[in-house]
Every structure is written in C-alpha cells, then in structure tokens.
Amino acid sequence: MAVSRREFLLRAFGTFGAAALSFERFGLLAALAQANDYKALVCIFLAGGNDADNTVIPYDNYAEYAAVRQDASTLRIPQSSLLVINPLHAASRFGLHPSLTGLHELWGVGKVAVVCNVGPLVEPTTRDTFLNGSARRPRNLFSHSDQQAQWQTSISDAASPTGWGGRMADKTAQLNPLPGTFPLEVTLAGNTIFLAGSDQRPLAIAPAPTRIDSALRFDGFPDPPDQAPRYRAMRDLLAVDNHLTLVRSASATINKTMEIEATLRLAGDPVAPFPLNPRTTLGNQLEQVAKLISLRDFLGMRRQIFFCSLGGFDTHNSQVAGENPLAGTHANLWTQVSQAMKAFYEATVQLGVASQVVTFTLSDFGRTFKPNGGLGTDHGWGSHAFVMGGSVLGGNFYGVPGPNGTVFPTLVPNGPYDADDGTGARGRWIPTTATDQYAASLATWFGVADVDLPAVFPNLVRFTTPNLGYLAAA
C-alpha cells in the first residue's frame, strides 16, 4: 500500500524517538571563540528530596542534632562516624554523612563547597513573614512535582515552560564557534524542564556503557545507513514541500537529528578516564558526560550544559536499615553519589579541564528534621547543595546568613527557621538562600552577561546577593 508523505513523516518521528523531537530551529551562525575558552556545567538532580539534615550534621553542636534524631534506633548518625569538616568561615566543626568519603576527600583539597539552606523562594522570607502570610510563598509548597519544577526553572510564583539551564543556553550559545551545529545541552536522564529553552533544544542520549557513536541509532536502517537506498530516499523526501510551515519544521527536525547522528558516528567512542568499578546508575551518566567533554574540540564546543539524575531520595521509610543508621537507602544513595562525583572529578583532571567544569547538586527539597516514626522523614523545604570543581573555592559553607547570623540553620523544631508552628512542628527549614542566587552564581561563572541575568532569572532582582561567591572569577 502506498504511504503518503505525511504518514512517512509521522512514522519517521516515531522511529527516531524522543531524541528527534529535541531539535529544531538550529542556525549555522558564525561566531568567534577562544580555543581555550571552554566551560561546562553538570547538574546532578537528586530526585525525591534529600534529607540534608543527615547529610551535613553539626559536630561541635552535635547535641542539638541528637536531641531530635534521638537514638540509634531512629535516624541519628553517631558522632563518632561523621566525616569531620571545618568550614573556613564557620565558628564550629561539622560532619558529613559517613557514606560521603569521596566528597570528603575533595573537600579536604578545596574542590568541594556546600551551599547551605537553599531552596525555592518568591522573595526573602522569615519565619514571621511566612507564618503571618505577608511573604509570598512558592506555589504548592512541599509538592514533589512543583518543587522539582521550581528548582529547575528558578521561578517559584508561576509555571514556566523553560528552565534556567535552557535559558542560560539561549544566552550563551553564541559563545560556541558555530552555534547550532551540535547541541549545547545534553541530558543523560531523559526529558527535563531544566534544559528547556526558547531557542536551544537539548540532546537526549543514553548513558554509558552505550557507545557515543551509537547513542542516536536509527531503527530500520543498516549501520552505517548512509548508502542504503531507503535512507537516501528519506533524505530526498525531506527536501519536498518545504514551502509548507509544518512540513518545513518537521523536515528540519529530522534533518538535524540525522546530522547529529552522523557526527556522533564519526566521533567514535572515546575512552574517558573514569575510575569507577563497579558501574552505577549515576556513574554511567557521568562517564558519558566525560566522554562528550573529551570530544569538545571535535564537536566545536566552548560551552556545554549536562543534566544527570538519580532517584530514590523520597525516604518516607527505610531511610536507615533497622537499627543501623549507617546502612539503608540514604547511605546507599550517597555512597553512589559520592563515588561517582569523585570519579568524575578525577576524569576532568585527566582531561585537563578540572577548572573548567563545575558539578552541582539539586533536589526537590530537604526533609523534616523530626523523623516520621517509620525510619524515614517527610517533605521539607530548605536543603544543602554540593558544588564541585577546580574553580570552586572549596572547604567552606556559602549562602545568606539567617536569624542566627550564619548560613547554617538552627536545628530546632518550632525555632527561628521552622515553617511549622506549635507543638507539632517538625522542622521544615525556611530557606535563607534562594535557588535564584545559587543558580545565578553558576550562570555568572559560565559566562552569562550581567545584562542577561534578569532574562535567565526573572526574580533575582528581589534578592540582594546575586552571586554567593563560591566560584573563582574566570
């Protein structure tokens, strides 16, 4: 039976999958860039809401923590097990969860920092203004989907069709020598609003051990497909009826996907130095990122943004294993994250780009300080984030000081940071640092001009510190 051109295009979209839908409106605009002017941002999203209160723990003021996370049969991490850190500008010592050995090592050599008590805000908010309703609140506070979107869009008072990663890409694409020839943005974790822009579109590919040169495979064609009559016929069909707007857009999308598939096929599968064995979910994603970074000159890239993700952090139960707070879901997840991040940093060192790549974490929210009685915690708000890289001014805490005069919150339910009130207060920390400030610090380092910051972060003007200072100036 004859197949119409419309039917053919619809089938082609289905054959090429979601990756084909990621590309449109790519131009071949010439721009100049310095050969050594390379920078990459790598986002690691910890899906589900990380329990920050069991990730970064007071050491000298351990009694404040232990008073609520009461005994070893609940969530309390023993003080003797903590990986001690001494932030440069803090008056006391803290401890990292014992699973964070890799990040602890990098902290010790100044390559990791912590941004404290950060989260989605519409405007600066205190406990008083939150409880009396005079401060505007983020939409649908404590909701997974809404808080994930707000972390990734940096817009907390309205729905947004774009993410701050995508808007950064829109403003920095011209820094690549030939913007549009290869996507500035790559996701290793499927579709994400973080990378959605107005002009730029992300490439979605599979993590390692999938080979780079087969990351965009066209089903139904031989490998390589170039000389196959059916493939060549398809290329010819894509040049037909381009005076029609919808046909032209569909054809351009498929053509761009085919061009990128051919580019990756030509690139081969580089061997990236990635010392992680056995393989893990996040490790596989970061290994693929390392491979793409190793191809930066071949691909003509001076700016790149990557998105990775690891789920399982929604620890309403089984956060710890029975009566062993050093085991269980949370410990296993952070072992994976810490090992993968350290292996990735070591890969950037071997590739000669350690100071040109910054890796950072996001998560839905922190969790309640009071346990829920089921060896778990519930949805919170403010959290702590890790930033890693050669340009990170590490070994320190960053953020906006709160009521206690420091960037680290007072861990007291119904206290000066708690969004809850009364005898049932569980410790949901009101952020003192906005996602906008955390993200704008990364964007400035990446090369977003000051004049473009309001377009990338529309609410940044509401906060007095647009740059938290945790990255060395370029």
Protein backbone atom coordinates (compact mmCIF):
# COMPACT_ATOMS: atom_id res chain seq x y z
CA MET A 1 0.00 0.00 0.00
CA ALA A 2 1.31 3.46 -0.87
CA VAL A 3 2.41 5.61 2.07
CA SER A 4 1.74 9.33 1.92
CA ARG A 5 4.46 11.82 2.74
CA ARG A 6 2.52 12.88 5.84
CA GLU A 7 2.33 9.29 7.05
CA PHE A 8 6.03 8.83 6.30
CA LEU A 9 6.99 11.86 8.41
CA LEU A 10 4.83 10.70 11.31
CA ARG A 11 6.41 7.24 11.18
CA ALA A 12 9.86 8.80 10.97
CA PHE A 13 9.24 10.78 14.12
CA GLY A 14 8.17 7.58 15.86
CA THR A 15 11.21 5.71 14.56
CA PHE A 16 13.67 8.36 15.67
CA GLY A 17 12.07 8.59 19.12
CA ALA A 18 12.22 11.43 21.60
CA ALA A 19 15.69 12.47 20.52
CA ALA A 20 14.37 13.62 17.14
CA LEU A 21 11.89 15.91 18.85
CA SER A 22 14.71 17.62 20.73
CA PHE A 23 15.96 19.59 17.75
CA GLU A 24 14.53 22.49 15.81
CA ARG A 25 15.48 26.00 14.86
CA PHE A 26 19.22 25.40 14.73
CA GLY A 27 21.09 28.02 12.72
CA LEU A 28 24.60 28.00 11.33
CA LEU A 29 25.70 31.40 12.60
CA ALA A 30 29.42 32.17 12.62
CA ALA A 31 30.88 33.40 15.91
CA LEU A 32 34.37 33.75 17.29
CA ALA A 33 35.57 31.98 20.44
CA GLN A 34 38.93 31.47 22.09
CA ALA A 35 40.20 27.91 21.68
CA ASN A 36 40.89 27.58 25.40
CA ASP A 37 37.65 29.23 26.49
CA TYR A 38 35.78 26.08 27.50
CA LYS A 39 33.32 25.78 30.39
CA ALA A 40 30.80 23.12 31.31
CA LEU A 41 28.12 22.86 33.98
CA VAL A 42 26.99 19.42 35.15
CA CYS A 43 23.74 19.25 37.09
CA ILE A 44 23.04 16.21 39.29
CA PHE A 45 19.40 16.12 40.37
CA LEU A 46 18.72 14.02 43.47
CA ALA A 47 15.10 13.15 42.80
CA GLY A 48 12.75 12.66 45.73
CA GLY A 49 14.06 15.19 48.23
CA ASN A 50 17.36 14.59 50.00
CA ASP A 51 17.48 14.52 53.81
CA ALA A 52 20.02 17.31 54.16
CA ASP A 53 19.92 17.09 57.95
CA ASN A 54 21.54 13.66 57.74
CA THR A 55 23.94 14.79 55.02
CA VAL A 56 25.64 17.77 56.72
CA ILE A 57 25.49 17.49 60.53
CA PRO A 58 26.75 19.74 63.35
CA TYR A 59 29.76 18.15 65.04
CA ASP A 60 30.67 20.55 67.81
CA ASN A 61 26.96 21.29 68.35
CA TYR A 62 26.01 17.64 67.93
CA ALA A 63 23.67 17.71 70.96
CA GLU A 64 21.26 19.99 69.05
CA TYR A 65 21.02 17.37 66.30
CA ALA A 66 20.91 14.37 68.65
CA ALA A 67 18.12 15.87 70.75
CA VAL A 68 15.68 15.41 67.86
CA ARG A 69 17.18 12.49 65.98
CA GLN A 70 17.20 10.77 69.27
CA ASP A 71 18.83 7.37 69.34
CA ALA A 72 20.46 4.77 67.13
CA SER A 73 17.13 3.01 66.55
CA THR A 74 15.87 6.02 64.57
CA LEU A 75 17.89 8.19 62.18
CA ARG A 76 20.69 9.53 64.35
CA ILE A 77 24.12 9.17 62.74
CA PRO A 78 26.66 8.51 65.54
CA GLN A 79 29.02 11.41 66.11
CA SER A 80 31.99 9.07 66.01
CA SER A 81 31.05 8.03 62.44
CA LEU A 82 30.90 11.54 60.96
CA LEU A 83 33.48 12.69 58.44
CA VAL A 84 34.64 15.87 60.16
CA ILE A 85 34.91 19.12 58.20
CA ASN A 86 35.97 22.55 59.42
CA PRO A 87 34.44 25.20 57.12
CA LEU A 88 36.82 28.12 56.70
CA HIS A 89 34.44 30.83 57.90
CA ALA A 90 32.39 28.81 60.38
CA ALA A 91 32.90 29.03 64.12
CA SER A 92 32.44 25.30 64.65
CA ARG A 93 33.04 21.95 63.05
CA PHE A 94 30.54 19.86 61.12
CA GLY A 95 30.39 16.32 59.83
CA LEU A 96 29.43 14.74 56.54
CA HIS A 97 27.42 11.52 56.37
CA PRO A 98 29.91 8.61 56.58
CA SER A 99 28.97 7.50 53.05
CA LEU A 100 30.43 10.71 51.57
CA THR A 101 34.07 9.60 51.65
CA GLY A 102 34.79 10.74 48.10
CA LEU A 103 33.32 14.22 48.61
CA HIS A 104 35.04 14.45 51.99
CA GLU A 105 38.39 13.82 50.31
CA LEU A 106 37.70 16.51 47.72
CA TRP A 107 36.55 18.88 50.47
CA GLY A 108 39.95 18.40 52.10
CA VAL A 109 41.76 19.61 48.99
CA GLY A 110 39.43 22.56 48.43
CA LYS A 111 37.44 21.23 45.46
CA VAL A 112 34.01 20.92 47.14
CA ALA A 113 31.84 23.51 48.86
CA VAL A 114 28.37 23.41 50.45
CA VAL A 115 25.65 25.98 49.79
CA CYS A 116 23.52 25.90 52.93
CA ASN A 117 19.77 26.15 53.48
CA VAL A 118 18.90 26.90 49.88
CA GLY A 119 15.53 26.42 48.21
CA PRO A 120 12.77 27.95 46.09
CA LEU A 121 11.66 31.40 47.27
CA VAL A 122 9.46 34.07 45.72
CA GLU A 123 11.10 36.76 47.86
CA PRO A 124 13.20 36.88 51.04
CA THR A 125 11.16 35.16 53.73
CA THR A 126 11.45 34.97 57.51
CA ARG A 127 9.51 32.78 59.90
CA ASP A 128 7.35 35.72 60.92
CA THR A 129 6.52 36.78 57.37
CA PHE A 130 5.86 33.17 56.42
CA LEU A 131 3.51 32.44 59.32
CA ASN A 132 1.61 35.74 59.10
CA GLY A 133 1.23 35.39 55.33
CA SER A 134 2.90 38.67 54.40
CA ALA A 135 5.59 36.90 52.34
CA ARG A 136 4.59 35.36 49.05
CA ARG A 137 5.06 31.61 49.14
CA PRO A 138 6.22 29.27 46.37
CA ARG A 139 3.34 27.60 44.58
CA ASN A 140 2.20 24.27 46.06
CA LEU A 141 4.94 24.19 48.66
CA PHE A 142 6.14 20.70 49.71
CA SER A 143 4.84 19.10 46.49
CA HIS A 144 7.35 16.89 44.64
CA SER A 145 6.41 17.91 41.11
CA ASP A 146 6.09 21.62 41.88
CA GLN A 147 9.29 21.84 43.90
CA GLN A 148 11.23 19.90 41.27
CA ALA A 149 9.98 22.32 38.63
CA GLN A 150 10.84 25.36 40.76
CA TRP A 151 14.38 24.14 41.44
CA GLN A 152 14.84 23.60 37.70
CA THR A 153 13.15 26.80 36.49
CA SER A 154 14.11 29.13 39.37
CA ILE A 155 10.60 30.59 39.10
CA SER A 156 8.51 29.89 42.20
CA ASP A 157 5.47 32.13 41.73
CA ALA A 158 4.29 30.90 38.32
CA ALA A 159 4.52 27.95 35.97
CA SER A 160 7.37 28.24 33.48
CA PRO A 161 7.79 26.48 30.13
CA THR A 162 11.58 26.90 30.30
CA GLY A 163 14.31 26.01 32.78
CA TRP A 164 17.24 28.09 33.93
CA GLY A 165 19.64 25.73 32.19
CA GLY A 166 17.78 26.23 28.92
CA ARG A 167 17.64 29.99 29.33
CA MET A 168 21.38 30.04 30.06
CA ALA A 169 21.91 28.11 26.83
CA ASP A 170 19.84 30.66 24.93
CA LYS A 171 22.10 33.47 26.19
CA THR A 172 25.45 31.72 25.72
CA ALA A 173 25.02 29.70 22.51
CA GLN A 174 26.88 32.37 20.56
CA LEU A 175 30.00 31.60 22.63
CA ASN A 176 30.37 28.36 20.66
CA PRO A 177 32.29 28.81 17.39
CA LEU A 178 29.38 27.54 15.26
CA PRO A 179 26.26 27.76 17.41
CA GLY A 180 23.65 25.23 16.36
CA THR A 181 25.94 22.65 14.79
CA PHE A 182 25.88 20.49 17.93
CA PRO A 183 23.55 20.95 20.92
CA LEU A 184 24.94 22.98 23.79
CA GLU A 185 22.75 20.96 26.18
CA VAL A 186 22.77 17.21 26.74
CA THR A 187 20.61 15.19 29.12
CA LEU A 188 21.61 11.71 30.24
CA ALA A 189 18.40 11.29 32.24
CA GLY A 190 15.59 11.81 29.74
CA ASN A 191 13.47 14.89 29.18
CA THR A 192 13.81 17.65 31.75
CA ILE A 193 12.44 21.15 32.07
CA PHE A 194 15.84 22.27 33.37
CA LEU A 195 17.24 22.26 29.82
CA ALA A 196 14.15 23.63 28.05
CA GLY A 197 14.96 26.94 26.37
CA SER A 198 13.24 29.27 23.95
CA ASP A 199 15.80 28.77 21.18
CA GLN A 200 18.07 25.92 22.25
CA ARG A 201 16.96 22.30 22.42
CA PRO A 202 18.73 19.54 24.35
CA LEU A 203 20.08 16.30 23.01
CA ALA A 204 18.87 13.26 24.97
CA ILE A 205 21.18 10.24 24.81
CA ALA A 206 21.67 7.06 26.78
CA PRO A 207 24.34 6.85 29.49
CA ALA A 208 27.38 4.59 29.34
CA PRO A 209 28.10 1.82 28.60
CA THR A 210 26.18 2.78 25.43
CA ARG A 211 28.77 3.85 22.87
CA ILE A 212 28.77 7.51 21.86
CA ASP A 213 28.75 6.53 18.18
CA SER A 214 25.52 4.55 18.63
CA ALA A 215 23.78 6.92 21.04
CA LEU A 216 21.38 8.06 18.29
CA ARG A 217 20.51 4.87 16.46
CA PHE A 218 18.02 4.88 13.58
CA ASP A 219 15.98 1.69 13.70
CA GLY A 220 15.11 0.12 10.37
CA PHE A 221 18.35 1.05 8.61
CA PRO A 222 21.71 -0.71 8.26
CA ASP A 223 24.70 0.54 10.24
CA PRO A 224 26.01 2.77 8.78
CA PRO A 225 22.86 3.82 6.91
CA ASP A 226 24.27 6.43 4.51
CA GLN A 227 24.28 4.39 1.28
CA ALA A 228 21.08 2.46 1.93
CA PRO A 229 18.51 3.28 -0.81
CA ARG A 230 15.73 3.70 1.76
CA TYR A 231 17.83 6.13 3.82
CA ARG A 232 18.78 8.16 0.72
CA ALA A 233 15.14 8.24 -0.36
CA MET A 234 14.20 9.60 3.02
CA ARG A 235 16.77 12.38 2.67
CA ASP A 236 15.29 13.26 -0.70
CA LEU A 237 11.76 13.34 0.72
CA LEU A 238 12.86 15.77 3.42
CA ALA A 239 13.55 18.36 0.71
CA VAL A 240 10.00 18.20 -0.65
CA ASP A 241 7.15 20.60 0.24
CA ASN A 242 9.31 22.84 2.40
CA HIS A 243 7.16 25.83 1.47
CA LEU A 244 4.63 24.46 3.98
CA THR A 245 5.40 25.62 7.51
CA LEU A 246 4.63 22.38 9.36
CA VAL A 247 6.42 20.24 6.78
CA ARG A 248 9.43 22.53 6.85
CA SER A 249 9.61 22.33 10.66
CA ALA A 250 9.26 18.54 10.67
CA SER A 251 11.86 18.14 7.94
CA ALA A 252 14.30 20.45 9.71
CA THR A 253 13.92 18.49 12.94
CA ILE A 254 14.63 15.15 11.27
CA ASN A 255 17.49 16.59 9.21
CA LYS A 256 19.15 17.98 12.33
CA THR A 257 18.80 14.66 14.13
CA MET A 258 20.38 12.88 11.16
CA GLU A 259 23.26 15.36 11.11
CA ILE A 260 23.96 14.85 14.80
CA GLU A 261 23.72 11.07 14.46
CA ALA A 262 26.29 11.23 11.68
CA THR A 263 28.57 13.48 13.76
CA LEU A 264 28.48 11.14 16.74
CA ARG A 265 29.08 8.16 14.47
CA LEU A 266 32.14 9.89 13.08
CA ALA A 267 33.37 10.71 16.58
CA GLY A 268 33.63 7.05 17.52
CA ASP A 269 33.58 6.04 21.18
CA PRO A 270 36.35 7.78 23.12
CA VAL A 271 37.81 6.12 26.17
CA ALA A 272 37.29 8.53 29.04
CA PRO A 273 39.38 8.14 32.18
CA PHE A 274 36.65 7.14 34.61
CA PRO A 275 37.94 5.11 37.55
CA LEU A 276 34.67 3.70 38.86
CA ASN A 277 34.09 -0.01 39.27
CA PRO A 278 31.51 -1.49 39.60
CA ARG A 279 29.25 0.59 37.40
CA THR A 280 26.39 2.56 38.94
CA THR A 281 23.40 4.47 37.58
CA LEU A 282 24.88 7.91 38.23
CA GLY A 283 28.39 6.75 37.37
CA ASN A 284 27.22 5.65 33.92
CA GLN A 285 25.69 9.06 33.27
CA LEU A 286 28.79 10.94 34.39
CA GLU A 287 31.04 8.66 32.37
CA GLN A 288 29.09 9.58 29.24
CA VAL A 289 29.44 13.25 30.17
CA ALA A 290 33.20 12.77 30.48
CA LYS A 291 33.29 11.20 27.01
CA LEU A 292 31.41 14.13 25.48
CA ILE A 293 33.71 16.60 27.21
CA SER A 294 36.70 14.74 25.77
CA LEU A 295 35.17 15.39 22.32
CA ARG A 296 34.73 19.13 22.93
CA ASP A 297 37.22 20.20 20.25
CA PHE A 298 35.98 17.66 17.73
CA LEU A 299 32.42 18.88 18.28
CA GLY A 300 33.46 22.53 18.29
CA MET A 301 32.13 23.22 21.80
CA ARG A 302 33.16 26.06 24.11
CA ARG A 303 30.11 25.89 26.36
CA GLN A 304 28.17 22.78 27.43
CA ILE A 305 25.45 22.04 30.00
CA PHE A 306 24.70 18.49 31.12
CA PHE A 307 21.86 17.03 33.18
CA CYS A 308 22.09 13.83 35.22
CA SER A 309 19.71 12.44 37.81
CA LEU A 310 19.43 9.76 40.47
CA GLY A 311 16.12 8.82 42.10
CA GLY A 312 15.20 7.19 45.39
CA PHE A 313 15.62 10.11 47.80
CA ASP A 314 11.94 10.18 48.83
CA THR A 315 12.77 8.35 52.06
CA HIS A 316 9.46 8.19 53.93
CA ASN A 317 10.63 4.80 55.18
CA SER A 318 13.73 2.59 55.12
CA GLN A 319 15.96 5.64 55.16
CA VAL A 320 18.12 3.60 57.53
CA ALA A 321 18.29 -0.17 57.86
CA GLY A 322 16.61 -1.35 61.04
CA GLU A 323 18.78 -0.36 63.97
CA ASN A 324 21.82 0.51 61.87
CA PRO A 325 21.73 4.21 60.91
CA LEU A 326 24.88 3.76 58.82
CA ALA A 327 23.07 1.48 56.35
CA GLY A 328 19.88 1.67 54.32
CA THR A 329 18.52 3.66 51.40
CA HIS A 330 20.08 7.03 52.24
CA ALA A 331 23.53 5.59 52.91
CA ASN A 332 23.45 3.54 49.70
CA LEU A 333 22.37 6.50 47.59
CA TRP A 334 25.07 8.78 48.96
CA THR A 335 27.72 6.12 48.53
CA GLN A 336 26.80 6.05 44.85
CA VAL A 337 26.68 9.84 44.51
CA SER A 338 29.94 10.44 46.35
CA GLN A 339 31.88 7.77 44.46
CA ALA A 340 30.52 8.87 41.08
CA MET A 341 31.24 12.55 41.70
CA LYS A 342 34.78 11.83 42.83
CA ALA A 343 35.43 9.61 39.79
CA PHE A 344 34.06 12.34 37.54
CA TYR A 345 36.26 15.00 39.11
CA GLU A 346 39.30 12.76 38.62
CA ALA A 347 38.26 12.32 34.98
CA THR A 348 38.18 16.11 34.48
CA VAL A 349 41.67 16.30 35.95
CA GLN A 350 42.92 13.69 33.48
CA LEU A 351 41.21 15.53 30.63
CA GLY A 352 42.84 18.80 31.66
CA VAL A 353 39.56 20.63 32.32
CA ALA A 354 39.11 20.37 36.10
CA SER A 355 38.98 24.15 36.50
CA GLN A 356 36.61 24.45 33.52
CA VAL A 357 33.90 22.06 34.73
CA VAL A 358 31.60 22.70 37.69
CA THR A 359 29.33 19.96 39.02
CA PHE A 360 26.45 20.81 41.34
CA THR A 361 23.51 19.12 43.04
CA LEU A 362 19.82 19.98 43.16
CA SER A 363 16.96 18.14 44.89
CA ASP A 364 13.21 18.59 45.36
CA PHE A 365 13.57 19.85 48.92
CA GLY A 366 15.05 18.98 52.28
CA ARG A 367 13.10 16.76 54.64
CA THR A 368 11.54 17.14 58.07
CA PHE A 369 14.06 17.26 60.88
CA LYS A 370 11.82 15.18 63.13
CA PRO A 371 11.63 11.55 61.94
CA ASN A 372 8.19 10.27 60.99
CA GLY A 373 8.26 7.15 63.14
CA GLY A 374 8.77 4.81 60.20
CA LEU A 375 12.55 5.05 59.91
CA GLY A 376 12.05 7.90 57.49
CA THR A 377 11.33 11.60 57.04
CA ASP A 378 8.70 13.66 55.25
CA HIS A 379 8.68 16.58 52.82
CA GLY A 380 10.57 19.68 53.94
CA TRP A 381 11.89 22.83 52.26
CA GLY A 382 15.37 24.30 52.64
CA SER A 383 18.28 21.98 51.88
CA HIS A 384 22.05 21.90 51.38
CA ALA A 385 23.71 21.56 47.96
CA PHE A 386 27.19 20.44 46.93
CA VAL A 387 29.33 22.22 44.34
CA MET A 388 32.47 20.53 42.96
CA GLY A 389 35.24 21.58 40.58
CA GLY A 390 38.66 23.09 40.18
CA SER A 391 37.22 26.62 40.18
CA VAL A 392 35.23 26.03 43.37
CA LEU A 393 36.51 27.95 46.39
CA GLY A 394 36.07 24.81 48.42
CA GLY A 395 36.32 23.79 52.04
CA ASN A 396 33.68 26.33 53.03
CA PHE A 397 29.96 26.97 53.53
CA TYR A 398 28.16 29.56 51.40
CA GLY A 399 24.74 31.16 51.42
CA VAL A 400 22.82 34.01 53.01
CA PRO A 401 23.05 34.33 56.82
CA GLY A 402 19.80 33.80 58.69
CA PRO A 403 18.44 34.72 62.14
CA ASN A 404 21.40 33.07 63.93
CA GLY A 405 23.92 35.11 61.92
CA THR A 406 25.29 32.11 59.99
CA VAL A 407 24.40 30.38 56.74
CA PHE A 408 23.67 27.09 58.58
CA PRO A 409 20.21 26.96 60.17
CA THR A 410 19.43 26.42 63.83
CA LEU A 411 18.15 22.84 64.07
CA VAL A 412 15.27 23.41 66.48
CA PRO A 413 11.66 22.45 65.58
CA ASN A 414 9.34 25.41 66.16
CA GLY A 415 12.50 27.53 66.20
CA PRO A 416 13.58 30.56 64.17
CA TYR A 417 13.87 28.67 60.85
CA ASP A 418 10.85 26.37 61.05
CA ALA A 419 7.94 26.78 58.64
CA ASP A 420 5.88 24.63 61.01
CA ASP A 421 4.34 26.09 64.15
CA GLY A 422 3.22 24.79 67.52
CA THR A 423 3.76 21.52 69.33
CA GLY A 424 3.51 19.53 66.09
CA ALA A 425 6.33 21.43 64.39
CA ARG A 426 8.67 19.02 62.61
CA GLY A 427 11.48 21.23 61.36
CA ARG A 428 10.88 22.32 57.77
CA TRP A 429 13.61 24.91 57.33
CA ILE A 430 12.66 28.15 55.58
CA PRO A 431 15.47 28.82 53.07
CA THR A 432 17.64 31.86 53.63
CA THR A 433 19.26 31.43 50.20
CA ALA A 434 17.10 31.36 47.07
CA THR A 435 17.53 28.91 44.23
CA ASP A 436 17.91 32.03 42.06
CA GLN A 437 21.05 33.12 43.94
CA TYR A 438 22.57 29.65 43.90
CA ALA A 439 21.91 29.32 40.16
CA ALA A 440 22.93 32.86 39.21
CA SER A 441 26.35 32.27 40.78
CA LEU A 442 26.83 29.34 38.40
CA ALA A 443 25.48 31.31 35.44
CA THR A 444 27.87 34.21 36.00
CA TRP A 445 30.85 31.86 36.09
CA PHE A 446 29.54 30.14 32.95
CA GLY A 447 29.57 33.39 31.01
CA VAL A 448 26.03 34.78 31.20
CA ALA A 449 26.42 38.54 30.98
CA ASP A 450 25.10 40.69 33.82
CA VAL A 451 22.69 42.32 31.40
CA ASP A 452 21.20 38.90 30.59
CA LEU A 453 20.77 37.68 34.17
CA PRO A 454 17.23 39.16 34.52
CA ALA A 455 16.09 37.19 31.46
CA VAL A 456 17.53 33.97 32.87
CA PHE A 457 16.41 34.62 36.47
CA PRO A 458 13.37 36.93 36.42
CA ASN A 459 13.04 37.01 40.24
CA LEU A 460 16.74 37.52 41.03
CA VAL A 461 16.19 41.27 41.43
CA ARG A 462 14.23 40.54 44.62
CA PHE A 463 17.37 39.25 46.37
CA THR A 464 20.27 41.45 47.42
CA THR A 465 23.11 38.97 46.80
CA PRO A 466 23.05 37.75 43.18
CA ASN A 467 26.41 36.00 43.47
CA LEU A 468 27.27 33.86 46.50
CA GLY A 469 30.99 33.89 45.70
CA TYR A 470 31.74 30.17 45.78
CA LEU A 471 33.44 30.16 42.36
CA ALA A 472 36.70 31.80 41.37
CA ALA A 473 36.32 34.51 38.77
CA ALA A 474 37.34 33.46 35.26
